[in-house]
N, C-alpha and C. Protein backbone atom coordinates (compact mmCIF):
# COMPACT_ATOMS: atom_id res chain seq x y z
N MET A 1 0.57 -0.93 -0.03
CA MET A 1 -0.14 -0.15 -0.03
C MET A 1 0.96 0.82 0.25
N LEU A 2 0.69 2.17 -0.59
CA LEU A 2 1.40 3.91 -1.00
C LEU A 2 0.34 4.30 -0.34
N LEU A 3 0.62 5.14 0.73
CA LEU A 3 0.23 6.62 1.24
C LEU A 3 0.57 7.64 1.70
N ALA A 4 -0.22 8.45 1.25
CA ALA A 4 0.09 10.14 1.44
C ALA A 4 -0.64 10.86 2.62
N GLU A 5 -0.13 11.65 3.17
CA GLU A 5 -1.30 12.42 4.46
C GLU A 5 -0.37 13.28 4.35
N ASN A 6 -1.18 14.09 4.22
CA ASN A 6 -1.50 16.05 4.46
C ASN A 6 0.08 16.34 3.76
N ILE A 7 -0.03 15.71 1.99
CA ILE A 7 1.27 16.57 1.24
C ILE A 7 1.00 17.76 0.81
N SER A 8 1.72 18.58 0.76
CA SER A 8 1.43 20.04 -0.27
C SER A 8 3.14 20.40 -0.11
N LYS A 9 3.27 21.07 -1.98
CA LYS A 9 4.25 21.12 -2.05
C LYS A 9 4.09 22.94 -2.69
N ARG A 10 4.92 23.86 -2.86
CA ARG A 10 4.75 25.17 -3.47
C ARG A 10 6.16 25.31 -4.06
N TYR A 11 6.50 25.45 -5.53
CA TYR A 11 7.25 26.02 -6.00
C TYR A 11 8.01 27.27 -5.89
N LYS A 12 9.00 27.97 -5.37
CA LYS A 12 9.56 28.76 -4.85
C LYS A 12 9.25 29.89 -5.86
N ASN A 13 9.90 29.67 -7.03
CA ASN A 13 10.27 30.37 -8.72
C ASN A 13 8.58 30.97 -8.50
N SER A 14 7.78 30.11 -8.79
CA SER A 14 6.31 30.84 -9.04
C SER A 14 5.50 31.02 -7.76
N ARG A 15 6.03 30.82 -6.80
CA ARG A 15 5.28 31.20 -5.48
C ARG A 15 3.84 30.76 -5.83
N ARG A 16 3.82 29.79 -6.35
CA ARG A 16 2.18 29.06 -6.67
C ARG A 16 2.29 28.06 -5.74
N THR A 17 1.48 27.60 -4.96
CA THR A 17 1.24 26.30 -4.24
C THR A 17 -0.01 25.36 -4.68
N VAL A 18 1.47 23.82 -5.20
CA VAL A 18 0.68 23.45 -6.20
C VAL A 18 -0.39 22.15 -5.39
N LEU A 19 0.25 21.92 -4.05
CA LEU A 19 -0.48 20.89 -3.58
C LEU A 19 -0.80 21.40 -2.22
N GLU A 20 -1.93 21.12 -1.79
CA GLU A 20 -2.19 22.00 0.07
C GLU A 20 -2.41 20.52 0.68
N LYS A 21 -2.26 20.17 1.45
CA LYS A 21 -2.67 19.31 2.60
C LYS A 21 -3.81 17.87 1.03
N VAL A 22 -2.82 17.14 0.89
CA VAL A 22 -3.65 16.40 0.20
C VAL A 22 -3.05 14.95 0.78
N ASN A 23 -3.99 14.12 0.57
CA ASN A 23 -4.31 12.75 1.60
C ASN A 23 -4.70 11.67 -0.01
N PHE A 24 -3.54 10.35 -0.02
CA PHE A 24 -4.27 9.39 -0.71
C PHE A 24 -3.66 8.24 -0.34
N LYS A 25 -4.59 7.09 -0.89
CA LYS A 25 -3.65 5.66 -0.24
C LYS A 25 -4.29 5.12 -1.74
N LEU A 26 -3.54 4.31 -2.33
CA LEU A 26 -3.17 3.31 -3.33
C LEU A 26 -2.87 1.87 -2.97
N GLU A 27 -4.04 1.37 -2.88
CA GLU A 27 -4.48 -0.25 -2.85
C GLU A 27 -3.42 -0.92 -3.49
N GLU A 28 -3.47 -2.48 -3.52
CA GLU A 28 -2.72 -3.23 -3.76
C GLU A 28 -3.31 -4.02 -5.00
N GLY A 29 -3.17 -3.70 -6.26
CA GLY A 29 -4.40 -4.69 -7.63
C GLY A 29 -5.27 -3.55 -8.30
N GLU A 30 -4.92 -2.62 -7.17
CA GLU A 30 -5.85 -1.46 -8.48
C GLU A 30 -4.41 -0.69 -9.36
N PHE A 31 -5.71 -0.04 -10.31
CA PHE A 31 -5.11 0.91 -11.67
C PHE A 31 -5.71 1.99 -11.51
N CYS A 32 -5.26 3.17 -10.45
CA CYS A 32 -5.21 4.39 -10.92
C CYS A 32 -5.05 5.16 -11.68
N ALA A 33 -6.09 5.99 -12.25
CA ALA A 33 -5.98 7.38 -12.98
C ALA A 33 -6.71 8.41 -12.89
N ILE A 34 -5.30 9.15 -12.50
CA ILE A 34 -5.26 10.70 -11.76
C ILE A 34 -5.64 12.04 -13.11
N THR A 35 -6.52 12.27 -13.10
CA THR A 35 -7.10 13.28 -13.78
C THR A 35 -7.29 14.84 -13.50
N GLY A 36 -7.42 15.95 -14.35
CA GLY A 36 -7.32 17.18 -14.00
C GLY A 36 -6.50 18.04 -14.68
N GLU A 37 -7.12 19.58 -15.08
CA GLU A 37 -6.39 20.18 -15.76
C GLU A 37 -5.00 20.81 -15.81
N SER A 38 -4.32 20.61 -16.67
CA SER A 38 -3.09 20.74 -17.10
C SER A 38 -3.17 22.23 -15.79
N GLY A 39 -1.32 21.69 -14.95
CA GLY A 39 -1.28 22.96 -13.93
C GLY A 39 -1.93 22.15 -12.71
N SER A 40 -2.74 21.61 -12.09
CA SER A 40 -3.66 21.21 -11.28
C SER A 40 -2.75 20.29 -10.59
N GLY A 41 -1.75 19.91 -10.98
CA GLY A 41 -0.22 18.90 -9.89
C GLY A 41 -0.50 17.77 -10.06
N LYS A 42 -0.98 17.09 -11.29
CA LYS A 42 -0.69 15.55 -11.84
C LYS A 42 0.76 15.42 -11.55
N SER A 43 1.71 16.37 -12.46
CA SER A 43 2.92 14.99 -12.46
C SER A 43 3.76 15.74 -10.97
N THR A 44 3.25 16.36 -10.74
CA THR A 44 3.52 16.83 -9.10
C THR A 44 3.60 16.35 -7.88
N ILE A 45 2.14 15.65 -7.93
CA ILE A 45 1.89 14.54 -7.38
C ILE A 45 2.71 13.29 -7.28
N LEU A 46 2.32 12.84 -8.97
CA LEU A 46 3.40 11.60 -8.97
C LEU A 46 4.20 11.22 -8.42
N ALA A 47 5.66 12.45 -8.62
CA ALA A 47 7.04 12.70 -8.66
C ALA A 47 7.13 12.40 -6.94
N VAL A 48 6.15 12.93 -6.25
CA VAL A 48 6.47 12.95 -4.74
C VAL A 48 5.86 11.72 -4.34
N LEU A 49 5.02 10.82 -4.83
CA LEU A 49 4.61 9.73 -4.13
C LEU A 49 5.24 8.61 -4.65
N ALA A 50 5.87 8.65 -6.00
CA ALA A 50 7.34 7.80 -6.16
C ALA A 50 8.51 8.58 -5.22
N GLY A 51 8.80 8.85 -5.13
CA GLY A 51 9.87 9.35 -3.68
C GLY A 51 11.06 9.75 -4.48
N ILE A 52 10.23 11.02 -5.54
CA ILE A 52 11.21 11.50 -6.58
C ILE A 52 11.43 13.33 -6.03
N LEU A 53 10.60 13.64 -5.39
CA LEU A 53 10.16 15.29 -5.51
C LEU A 53 9.92 15.42 -4.01
N ARG A 54 10.91 15.65 -3.16
CA ARG A 54 10.64 16.12 -1.65
C ARG A 54 9.72 16.80 -1.49
N PRO A 55 8.49 16.65 -0.84
CA PRO A 55 7.19 17.11 -0.79
C PRO A 55 7.54 18.75 0.66
N ASP A 56 6.63 19.79 0.53
CA ASP A 56 7.09 20.79 1.70
C ASP A 56 7.13 20.25 2.97
N SER A 57 6.24 19.11 3.13
CA SER A 57 4.90 18.97 4.43
C SER A 57 4.81 17.94 3.94
N GLY A 58 4.29 16.77 5.22
CA GLY A 58 3.40 16.00 4.69
C GLY A 58 4.57 14.26 4.50
N LYS A 59 3.92 13.50 4.72
CA LYS A 59 4.95 12.27 4.44
C LYS A 59 4.16 11.19 3.54
N VAL A 60 4.78 10.51 2.58
CA VAL A 60 4.81 9.11 1.63
C VAL A 60 5.16 7.46 2.17
N CYS A 61 4.21 7.13 2.36
CA CYS A 61 4.78 6.13 3.26
C CYS A 61 4.38 4.32 2.29
N LEU A 62 5.43 3.79 2.16
CA LEU A 62 5.19 2.92 1.44
C LEU A 62 5.29 1.54 2.29
N ASP A 63 4.33 0.41 2.68
CA ASP A 63 4.18 -0.48 3.65
C ASP A 63 5.35 0.52 4.40
N ASP A 64 4.27 0.78 5.45
CA ASP A 64 4.60 1.67 6.07
C ASP A 64 6.31 2.43 6.88
N ALA A 65 6.67 2.40 5.30
CA ALA A 65 8.34 3.50 5.59
C ALA A 65 8.01 4.29 4.69
N ASP A 66 8.41 5.29 5.53
CA ASP A 66 8.39 6.54 5.26
C ASP A 66 9.57 7.01 3.96
N LEU A 67 9.29 7.01 2.83
CA LEU A 67 10.12 7.20 1.78
C LEU A 67 11.40 8.39 2.06
N TYR A 68 10.48 9.51 2.59
CA TYR A 68 10.92 10.73 2.57
C TYR A 68 12.22 10.70 4.25
N ALA A 69 12.07 9.42 4.88
CA ALA A 69 13.09 9.58 6.34
C ALA A 69 13.77 8.31 5.78
N LEU A 70 14.24 8.05 4.73
CA LEU A 70 14.70 6.62 4.33
C LEU A 70 16.19 7.40 3.63
N SER A 71 16.98 6.20 4.26
CA SER A 71 18.79 7.19 3.83
C SER A 71 18.98 6.72 2.00
N ASP A 72 19.83 7.64 1.25
CA ASP A 72 19.39 7.51 -0.14
C ASP A 72 19.76 6.26 -0.62
N LYS A 73 20.49 5.43 0.62
CA LYS A 73 21.42 3.71 -0.33
C LYS A 73 19.45 3.19 -0.40
N ASP A 74 18.62 3.48 0.73
CA ASP A 74 17.48 2.99 0.96
C ASP A 74 16.45 3.49 0.22
N LEU A 75 16.49 4.31 -0.60
CA LEU A 75 15.83 4.75 -1.53
C LEU A 75 15.43 4.95 -2.52
N SER A 76 17.28 4.64 -3.00
CA SER A 76 17.24 4.00 -4.48
C SER A 76 16.97 2.41 -4.33
N TYR A 77 17.27 1.50 -3.25
CA TYR A 77 17.03 0.22 -3.46
C TYR A 77 15.41 0.35 -3.89
N ILE A 78 14.72 1.35 -3.29
CA ILE A 78 12.55 1.60 -3.34
C ILE A 78 13.09 1.41 -4.74
N HIS A 79 13.52 2.36 -5.40
CA HIS A 79 13.65 3.32 -6.96
C HIS A 79 13.83 2.09 -7.99
N GLN A 80 14.68 1.11 -7.23
CA GLN A 80 15.13 -0.04 -8.55
C GLN A 80 13.90 -1.23 -8.09
N ARG A 81 13.72 -1.36 -7.15
CA ARG A 81 12.66 -2.67 -7.07
C ARG A 81 11.21 -2.63 -5.96
N LYS A 82 11.01 -1.56 -5.57
CA LYS A 82 9.54 -1.54 -5.38
C LYS A 82 8.22 -0.33 -6.19
N ILE A 83 9.34 0.86 -6.67
CA ILE A 83 8.33 1.82 -7.47
C ILE A 83 9.15 2.14 -8.60
N GLY A 84 8.66 1.49 -9.50
CA GLY A 84 8.70 1.86 -11.33
C GLY A 84 8.33 3.36 -11.15
N TYR A 85 8.93 4.20 -12.25
CA TYR A 85 8.27 5.57 -12.67
C TYR A 85 8.49 5.56 -14.08
N VAL A 86 7.73 6.40 -15.00
CA VAL A 86 7.38 6.51 -16.23
C VAL A 86 7.41 8.36 -16.45
N PRO A 87 8.18 8.88 -16.43
CA PRO A 87 8.18 9.85 -16.54
C PRO A 87 7.33 10.59 -17.95
N GLN A 88 7.55 11.89 -17.75
CA GLN A 88 5.95 12.22 -18.96
C GLN A 88 7.27 12.29 -20.05
N ALA A 89 8.52 12.46 -20.23
CA ALA A 89 9.52 13.05 -20.90
C ALA A 89 10.23 11.77 -21.00
N ASN A 90 10.62 11.27 -22.26
CA ASN A 90 11.70 10.25 -22.04
C ASN A 90 13.27 10.17 -22.12
N ILE A 91 13.74 9.96 -21.15
CA ILE A 91 14.87 9.78 -20.68
C ILE A 91 15.67 8.92 -21.07
N PHE A 92 17.01 9.08 -21.31
CA PHE A 92 17.93 8.04 -22.01
C PHE A 92 19.48 8.96 -22.26
N LEU A 93 20.18 7.57 -21.88
CA LEU A 93 21.68 8.16 -22.32
C LEU A 93 21.81 8.34 -23.48
N LYS A 94 22.17 8.96 -24.71
CA LYS A 94 22.57 9.10 -25.98
C LYS A 94 23.48 8.49 -26.24
N GLN A 95 24.47 8.26 -25.55
CA GLN A 95 25.51 7.35 -26.20
C GLN A 95 25.31 6.21 -25.82
N TYR A 96 24.15 5.02 -25.54
CA TYR A 96 23.69 4.24 -25.65
C TYR A 96 22.56 3.44 -26.51
N ASN A 97 22.55 2.47 -25.97
CA ASN A 97 21.75 1.44 -27.12
C ASN A 97 20.33 1.53 -26.35
N ILE A 98 18.93 1.88 -26.83
CA ILE A 98 17.75 1.44 -26.02
C ILE A 98 18.10 -0.42 -25.27
N LEU A 99 18.75 -1.16 -25.44
CA LEU A 99 18.57 -2.32 -24.77
C LEU A 99 19.65 -1.84 -23.57
N ASP A 100 20.75 -1.25 -23.49
CA ASP A 100 21.49 -0.84 -22.45
C ASP A 100 20.77 0.34 -22.04
N ASN A 101 20.33 0.78 -22.35
CA ASN A 101 19.49 1.87 -21.24
C ASN A 101 18.38 1.35 -20.63
N ILE A 102 17.55 0.53 -21.35
CA ILE A 102 16.87 -0.11 -19.70
C ILE A 102 17.33 -1.00 -19.02
N VAL A 103 18.65 -1.69 -19.73
CA VAL A 103 19.07 -2.41 -18.27
C VAL A 103 19.88 -1.78 -17.24
N PHE A 104 20.95 -1.12 -18.20
CA PHE A 104 22.46 -0.66 -17.33
C PHE A 104 22.02 -0.31 -15.56
N PRO A 105 20.88 0.76 -15.54
CA PRO A 105 20.29 1.12 -14.36
C PRO A 105 20.25 -0.08 -13.10
N TYR A 106 20.32 -1.32 -13.78
CA TYR A 106 19.85 -2.52 -12.70
C TYR A 106 21.33 -3.47 -12.41
N LEU A 107 22.35 -3.15 -13.13
CA LEU A 107 22.97 -4.06 -13.07
C LEU A 107 23.77 -4.14 -12.34
N SER A 108 23.90 -5.28 -11.43
CA SER A 108 25.09 -5.09 -10.12
C SER A 108 26.53 -5.41 -10.03
N GLY A 109 26.79 -5.87 -11.53
CA GLY A 109 27.91 -6.77 -11.16
C GLY A 109 27.98 -8.58 -11.53
N ASP A 110 27.01 -8.95 -10.82
CA ASP A 110 26.73 -9.90 -10.97
C ASP A 110 26.15 -10.65 -12.80
N THR A 111 27.41 -11.52 -13.71
CA THR A 111 26.99 -11.64 -14.60
C THR A 111 26.18 -12.69 -14.58
N LYS A 112 25.93 -13.26 -14.05
CA LYS A 112 24.43 -14.06 -14.34
C LYS A 112 23.04 -13.37 -14.27
N ASN A 113 23.07 -12.37 -13.14
CA ASN A 113 21.97 -11.45 -13.00
C ASN A 113 22.42 -10.46 -14.51
N GLY A 114 22.83 -10.10 -14.64
CA GLY A 114 23.07 -9.49 -15.69
C GLY A 114 22.47 -9.82 -17.19
N GLN A 115 23.00 -10.98 -17.91
CA GLN A 115 22.27 -12.00 -18.99
C GLN A 115 20.91 -11.80 -18.51
N GLU A 116 20.25 -12.67 -17.45
CA GLU A 116 19.05 -12.44 -17.08
C GLU A 116 18.24 -11.13 -17.43
N LEU A 117 18.51 -10.34 -16.93
CA LEU A 117 18.29 -9.03 -17.43
C LEU A 117 17.87 -8.89 -18.42
N PHE A 118 19.29 -8.95 -19.32
CA PHE A 118 19.05 -8.27 -20.63
C PHE A 118 18.50 -9.09 -21.83
N GLU A 119 17.97 -10.24 -21.39
CA GLU A 119 17.08 -11.52 -21.73
C GLU A 119 15.77 -10.95 -21.26
N ARG A 120 15.28 -10.37 -20.22
CA ARG A 120 14.16 -10.49 -19.96
C ARG A 120 13.66 -8.82 -20.72
N ALA A 121 14.78 -8.23 -20.71
CA ALA A 121 14.27 -6.51 -21.42
C ALA A 121 13.99 -7.06 -22.80
N ARG A 122 14.42 -8.04 -23.70
CA ARG A 122 14.64 -8.48 -25.32
C ARG A 122 13.06 -9.23 -25.07
N ALA A 123 12.73 -9.84 -24.53
CA ALA A 123 12.05 -10.90 -24.06
C ALA A 123 10.48 -9.31 -24.53
N HIS A 124 10.58 -8.52 -23.10
CA HIS A 124 9.61 -7.52 -23.39
C HIS A 124 9.70 -6.91 -24.64
N LEU A 125 10.73 -6.22 -25.12
CA LEU A 125 10.76 -5.58 -25.77
C LEU A 125 9.57 -6.19 -27.37
N GLU A 126 10.16 -7.31 -27.85
CA GLU A 126 9.12 -8.08 -28.28
C GLU A 126 7.90 -8.03 -27.92
N ILE A 127 7.22 -8.20 -27.07
CA ILE A 127 5.50 -8.15 -26.64
C ILE A 127 5.01 -6.59 -26.80
N LEU A 128 6.19 -5.88 -26.67
CA LEU A 128 5.78 -4.06 -27.37
C LEU A 128 5.95 -3.83 -28.71
N GLY A 129 6.15 -5.04 -29.52
CA GLY A 129 6.39 -4.54 -30.77
C GLY A 129 7.79 -4.14 -31.27
N ILE A 130 8.99 -4.21 -30.38
CA ILE A 130 9.93 -3.30 -30.85
C ILE A 130 11.07 -4.14 -30.40
N GLY A 131 11.10 -4.96 -31.01
CA GLY A 131 11.86 -6.35 -30.49
C GLY A 131 13.18 -6.11 -31.53
N ASP A 132 13.05 -5.75 -32.53
CA ASP A 132 14.01 -5.29 -33.90
C ASP A 132 14.66 -3.99 -33.52
N LEU A 133 14.61 -3.38 -32.80
CA LEU A 133 14.76 -1.92 -32.14
C LEU A 133 16.21 -1.96 -30.80
N TRP A 134 16.69 -3.11 -30.85
CA TRP A 134 17.47 -2.82 -29.33
C TRP A 134 18.78 -2.62 -29.46
N ASP A 135 19.22 -2.41 -30.79
CA ASP A 135 20.33 -2.03 -30.71
C ASP A 135 20.50 -0.82 -31.97
N ARG A 136 19.14 0.04 -31.28
CA ARG A 136 19.09 1.17 -31.90
C ARG A 136 19.35 2.58 -31.11
N TYR A 137 19.82 3.59 -30.59
CA TYR A 137 19.90 4.52 -30.13
C TYR A 137 19.16 5.34 -30.11
N PRO A 138 18.51 6.10 -28.86
CA PRO A 138 17.43 6.45 -28.51
C PRO A 138 17.05 7.75 -30.18
N TYR A 139 17.77 8.46 -30.36
CA TYR A 139 17.99 9.41 -31.46
C TYR A 139 17.01 8.83 -32.71
N GLU A 140 17.16 7.18 -32.76
CA GLU A 140 15.98 6.78 -34.03
C GLU A 140 15.64 6.58 -33.72
N LEU A 141 14.87 6.46 -32.62
CA LEU A 141 13.98 5.55 -32.25
C LEU A 141 12.39 7.35 -32.56
N SER A 142 11.31 6.38 -32.42
CA SER A 142 10.04 7.53 -32.57
C SER A 142 9.68 7.79 -31.26
N GLY A 143 8.74 8.88 -30.91
CA GLY A 143 8.38 9.24 -29.60
C GLY A 143 7.72 7.89 -28.79
N GLY A 144 6.79 6.84 -29.83
CA GLY A 144 5.87 6.01 -29.09
C GLY A 144 7.37 4.89 -28.94
N GLU A 145 8.13 4.74 -29.70
CA GLU A 145 8.83 3.62 -29.47
C GLU A 145 10.15 4.02 -28.53
N GLN A 146 10.28 5.30 -28.11
CA GLN A 146 11.17 5.87 -27.02
C GLN A 146 10.17 5.25 -25.35
N LYS A 147 8.81 5.72 -25.52
CA LYS A 147 7.69 5.64 -24.67
C LYS A 147 7.43 3.85 -24.00
N ARG A 148 8.02 3.10 -25.02
CA ARG A 148 7.40 1.50 -24.62
C ARG A 148 8.98 1.08 -24.01
N ALA A 149 10.57 1.42 -24.39
CA ALA A 149 10.97 1.27 -23.67
C ALA A 149 11.38 1.71 -22.36
N CYS A 150 10.60 3.05 -22.26
CA CYS A 150 11.06 3.89 -21.11
C CYS A 150 9.79 2.77 -20.18
N LEU A 151 8.76 2.29 -20.61
CA LEU A 151 7.83 1.32 -19.63
C LEU A 151 8.68 0.30 -19.16
N ILE A 152 8.88 -0.29 -20.19
CA ILE A 152 10.24 -1.55 -19.80
C ILE A 152 11.22 -1.45 -18.64
N ARG A 153 11.53 -0.33 -18.83
CA ARG A 153 12.65 0.03 -18.04
C ARG A 153 12.06 0.06 -16.92
N ALA A 154 10.86 0.75 -16.67
CA ALA A 154 10.43 0.91 -15.38
C ALA A 154 10.11 -0.48 -14.51
N LEU A 155 9.74 -1.44 -15.56
CA LEU A 155 8.72 -2.63 -15.11
C LEU A 155 9.98 -3.96 -14.69
N LEU A 156 11.44 -3.26 -15.44
CA LEU A 156 11.95 -4.68 -15.50
C LEU A 156 12.21 -5.81 -14.10
N MET A 157 12.04 -4.54 -13.39
CA MET A 157 12.60 -5.69 -11.92
C MET A 157 11.31 -5.79 -10.97
N LYS A 158 10.30 -5.75 -12.18
CA LYS A 158 9.11 -6.22 -11.46
C LYS A 158 8.46 -5.44 -10.41
N PRO A 159 8.74 -4.65 -10.40
CA PRO A 159 8.05 -3.38 -8.60
C PRO A 159 6.52 -3.69 -9.22
N GLN A 160 6.09 -3.38 -7.48
CA GLN A 160 5.16 -3.65 -6.91
C GLN A 160 4.27 -2.86 -7.18
N ILE A 161 4.64 -1.78 -7.69
CA ILE A 161 4.03 -0.02 -7.88
C ILE A 161 4.73 0.41 -9.26
N VAL A 162 3.68 0.64 -10.32
CA VAL A 162 4.09 1.24 -11.70
C VAL A 162 3.92 2.62 -11.61
N ILE A 163 4.05 3.76 -11.87
CA ILE A 163 3.80 5.04 -11.67
C ILE A 163 3.88 5.75 -12.93
N CYS A 164 3.20 5.98 -13.91
CA CYS A 164 3.11 6.63 -15.07
C CYS A 164 2.61 8.20 -15.31
N ASP A 165 3.20 8.65 -15.96
CA ASP A 165 3.17 10.47 -15.99
C ASP A 165 2.61 10.44 -17.88
N GLU A 166 1.29 10.27 -18.03
CA GLU A 166 0.58 10.46 -19.29
C GLU A 166 1.44 9.43 -20.22
N PRO A 167 0.86 8.53 -19.84
CA PRO A 167 2.08 6.94 -20.51
C PRO A 167 1.26 7.14 -22.12
N THR A 168 0.41 7.81 -22.43
CA THR A 168 -0.42 7.77 -23.76
C THR A 168 -0.22 8.83 -24.62
N THR A 169 -0.25 10.19 -23.83
CA THR A 169 -0.15 10.97 -24.54
C THR A 169 0.91 11.22 -25.88
N GLY A 170 0.34 11.96 -27.20
CA GLY A 170 0.90 11.51 -28.24
C GLY A 170 1.46 10.54 -29.27
N LEU A 171 0.58 9.63 -28.57
CA LEU A 171 0.76 8.28 -28.95
C LEU A 171 -0.51 8.24 -30.19
N ASP A 172 -0.28 7.06 -31.09
CA ASP A 172 -1.34 6.86 -32.11
C ASP A 172 -2.46 5.85 -31.64
N GLY A 173 -3.53 5.64 -31.78
CA GLY A 173 -4.50 4.87 -31.10
C GLY A 173 -3.68 3.52 -30.77
N LYS A 174 -3.06 2.84 -32.25
CA LYS A 174 -2.73 1.03 -31.99
C LYS A 174 -1.73 1.31 -30.80
N THR A 175 -0.56 1.99 -30.50
CA THR A 175 0.08 2.36 -29.68
C THR A 175 -0.13 2.35 -28.56
N GLY A 176 -0.88 3.34 -28.43
CA GLY A 176 -1.47 3.51 -27.18
C GLY A 176 -2.37 2.54 -26.66
N LYS A 177 -3.14 1.71 -27.08
CA LYS A 177 -3.77 0.23 -27.14
C LYS A 177 -3.08 -0.37 -26.48
N LYS A 178 -1.34 -0.49 -27.39
CA LYS A 178 -0.59 -1.46 -26.53
C LYS A 178 -0.44 -1.42 -25.58
N ILE A 179 0.30 -0.12 -25.27
CA ILE A 179 0.99 0.07 -24.05
C ILE A 179 -0.29 -0.14 -23.04
N LEU A 180 -1.31 -0.01 -22.87
CA LEU A 180 -2.63 -0.04 -21.60
C LEU A 180 -2.98 -1.36 -21.54
N THR A 181 -2.79 -2.38 -22.27
CA THR A 181 -2.63 -3.21 -22.35
C THR A 181 -1.79 -4.06 -21.73
N TYR A 182 -0.42 -3.88 -22.06
CA TYR A 182 0.70 -4.69 -21.15
C TYR A 182 0.65 -3.80 -19.38
N LEU A 183 0.24 -2.53 -19.50
CA LEU A 183 0.23 -2.24 -18.36
C LEU A 183 -1.30 -2.89 -17.49
N ASP A 184 -2.04 -2.86 -17.93
CA ASP A 184 -3.35 -3.85 -17.56
C ASP A 184 -3.04 -5.27 -17.06
N GLU A 185 -1.92 -6.38 -17.78
CA GLU A 185 -1.81 -7.45 -17.89
C GLU A 185 -0.71 -7.41 -16.78
N TYR A 186 0.12 -6.26 -16.28
CA TYR A 186 0.80 -5.81 -15.76
C TYR A 186 -0.02 -6.50 -14.26
N ARG A 187 -0.79 -4.99 -13.90
CA ARG A 187 -1.71 -5.19 -12.97
C ARG A 187 -2.82 -6.52 -12.39
N LYS A 188 -2.93 -7.41 -13.41
CA LYS A 188 -3.29 -8.70 -13.12
C LYS A 188 -2.66 -9.45 -13.20
N SER A 189 -1.43 -8.90 -12.83
CA SER A 189 -0.30 -10.07 -12.38
C SER A 189 0.03 -9.67 -10.59
N GLY A 190 -0.99 -9.42 -10.20
CA GLY A 190 -0.89 -9.03 -9.04
C GLY A 190 -0.21 -7.43 -8.37
N LYS A 191 0.03 -6.62 -9.15
CA LYS A 191 1.19 -5.25 -9.07
C LYS A 191 0.03 -4.15 -8.83
N THR A 192 0.35 -2.87 -9.07
CA THR A 192 -0.78 -1.81 -8.80
C THR A 192 -0.18 -0.51 -10.01
N ILE A 193 -0.99 -0.10 -10.52
CA ILE A 193 -0.88 0.78 -11.43
C ILE A 193 -1.35 2.36 -10.93
N LEU A 194 -0.26 3.43 -11.26
CA LEU A 194 -1.27 4.68 -10.70
C LEU A 194 -0.72 5.37 -11.85
N ALA A 195 -1.49 6.19 -12.57
CA ALA A 195 -1.14 6.84 -13.43
C ALA A 195 -1.91 8.47 -13.83
N ALA A 196 -1.09 9.53 -14.11
CA ALA A 196 -1.65 10.74 -14.94
C ALA A 196 -2.04 10.67 -16.57
N THR A 197 -3.06 11.27 -16.60
CA THR A 197 -3.65 11.39 -17.85
C THR A 197 -4.93 12.28 -18.42
N HIS A 198 -5.32 12.59 -19.43
CA HIS A 198 -5.83 13.25 -19.96
C HIS A 198 -7.04 12.11 -21.13
N ASP A 199 -6.02 10.92 -21.01
CA ASP A 199 -7.00 9.97 -22.27
C ASP A 199 -8.03 9.49 -21.22
N ASP A 200 -9.09 9.48 -22.27
CA ASP A 200 -10.11 8.61 -22.03
C ASP A 200 -9.98 7.22 -21.78
N HIS A 201 -9.31 7.00 -22.86
CA HIS A 201 -8.90 5.40 -22.55
C HIS A 201 -7.86 4.92 -21.73
N VAL A 202 -7.52 5.41 -20.77
CA VAL A 202 -6.87 5.51 -19.99
C VAL A 202 -7.71 5.51 -18.25
N LYS A 203 -8.84 6.20 -19.00
CA LYS A 203 -9.65 6.19 -17.39
C LYS A 203 -10.36 5.07 -17.58
N ALA A 204 -10.90 4.74 -18.72
CA ALA A 204 -11.95 3.46 -19.19
C ALA A 204 -11.34 2.14 -18.35
N CYS A 205 -9.48 2.24 -18.46
CA CYS A 205 -8.84 0.63 -18.28
C CYS A 205 -8.79 0.91 -16.72
N ALA A 206 -8.76 1.90 -15.36
CA ALA A 206 -8.74 2.21 -14.78
C ALA A 206 -9.92 1.64 -13.80
N THR A 207 -9.63 1.03 -12.43
CA THR A 207 -10.46 0.42 -11.74
C THR A 207 -10.72 1.11 -10.99
N ARG A 208 -10.25 3.17 -10.66
CA ARG A 208 -10.67 3.65 -9.81
C ARG A 208 -10.18 5.39 -10.49
N VAL A 209 -10.98 5.97 -10.72
CA VAL A 209 -10.49 7.17 -11.42
C VAL A 209 -10.23 8.45 -10.24
N TRP A 210 -9.23 9.21 -9.81
CA TRP A 210 -9.11 10.05 -8.87
C TRP A 210 -8.98 11.93 -10.08
N ASN A 211 -9.77 12.61 -9.14
CA ASN A 211 -9.30 14.11 -10.14
C ASN A 211 -8.69 15.22 -8.99
N ILE A 212 -7.73 15.96 -9.93
CA ILE A 212 -7.34 16.97 -9.00
C ILE A 212 -7.37 18.16 -9.09
């Protein structure tokens, strides 16, 4: 379970309070869609819930562990094993091909583990229809192809929660449907999905819609 209590966040540069005393609970097995107008704080609350953006006040707990009270090492473990995060912008290292971009964040020096991760990543690239692009560099992929690769990277270690910021924005209908099917199948395996979206198709897949 992911629990947020009295979350507030104010951006000093804009002098604007984006979130004020927000409370939220995400249960195991949910597919929750967060909706709201542009600028309402959807991306901000996702980043806070993912343990990436520290709130000004309040706390975020994953299975009773306060994310922002953890050491950097423990929080890094959470990001690698417990919470997969898909930002709105596709972020890759341009000097590495797409397969390396997916796997490198999780390599531990264990050769066997590394081989398994590369094989798993290749299998998921196939599932999402870009298996033949594994050796391409980020600039050689379309936005939709990059989005699929970014999603695979977030799911590679089988985290219990996947947090996605606008997972289908800018994609054609076929690609968007493929991503939604992939996410829903992941949820059905016992995992939890949280997605900020303007897309009615995402809302239709959700087990709960939260408007902010």
